[in-house]
């Protein structure tokens, strides 16, 4: 996977994470969406490793 592809995937994942956080704030996050959030968080961490970016909390 090329760096640009990784960055594009990360941008998409981070947008989805932001949407999930907004839903959580307003109490609209379902259990399935919460699980997807966790899966995306893991994928973001993997991509950060590939890009040599220090993972965030």
Protein backbone atom coordinates (compact mmCIF):
# COMPACT_ATOMS: atom_id res chain seq x y z
CA UNK A 1 0.00 0.00 0.00
CA UNK A 2 1.44 3.35 -1.02
CA UNK A 3 1.75 6.30 1.33
CA UNK A 4 -0.95 8.27 -0.49
CA UNK A 5 -3.37 5.34 -0.28
CA UNK A 6 -2.68 4.97 3.43
CA UNK A 7 -3.23 8.68 3.99
CA UNK A 8 -6.50 8.62 2.02
CA UNK A 9 -7.75 5.67 4.07
CA UNK A 10 -6.76 7.39 7.31
CA UNK A 11 -8.60 10.56 6.32
CA UNK A 12 -11.76 8.56 5.60
CA UNK A 13 -11.46 6.62 8.85
CA UNK A 14 -10.89 9.80 10.87
CA UNK A 15 -13.97 11.41 9.31
CA UNK A 16 -16.00 8.38 10.32
CA UNK A 17 -14.54 8.53 13.83
CA UNK A 18 -15.52 12.18 14.11
CA UNK A 19 -19.08 11.37 13.05
CA UNK A 20 -19.24 8.58 15.64
CA UNK A 21 -18.01 10.88 18.41
CA UNK A 22 -20.64 13.46 17.46
CA UNK A 23 -23.34 10.78 17.61
CA UNK A 24 -22.04 9.63 20.99
CA UNK A 25 -22.21 13.16 22.38
CA UNK A 26 -25.88 13.38 21.43
CA UNK A 27 -26.66 9.85 22.63
CA UNK A 28 -27.34 8.45 19.16
CA UNK A 29 -24.47 5.94 18.93
CA UNK A 30 -25.68 2.34 18.60
CA UNK A 31 -23.85 -0.69 19.96
CA UNK A 32 -22.93 -1.71 16.40
CA UNK A 33 -21.53 1.76 15.69
CA UNK A 34 -19.55 1.63 18.90
CA UNK A 35 -18.03 -1.68 17.81
CA UNK A 36 -17.21 -0.22 14.38
CA UNK A 37 -15.56 2.72 16.15
CA UNK A 38 -13.26 0.33 17.98
CA UNK A 39 -12.41 -1.54 14.79
CA UNK A 40 -11.59 1.72 13.01
CA UNK A 41 -9.44 2.78 15.96
CA UNK A 42 -7.40 -0.39 15.58
CA UNK A 43 -7.08 0.12 11.82
CA UNK A 44 -5.96 3.73 12.32
CA UNK A 45 -3.27 2.50 14.70
CA UNK A 46 -2.07 -0.02 12.09
CA UNK A 47 -1.91 2.69 9.43
CA UNK A 48 -0.07 5.06 11.75
CA UNK A 49 2.55 2.37 12.26
CA UNK A 50 2.94 1.97 8.51
CA UNK A 51 3.39 5.74 8.16
CA UNK A 52 5.73 5.84 11.18
CA UNK A 53 3.37 8.14 13.09
CA UNK A 54 3.28 7.81 16.85
CA UNK A 55 -0.21 6.45 17.70
CA UNK A 56 -2.48 8.63 19.80
CA UNK A 57 -4.54 7.44 22.74
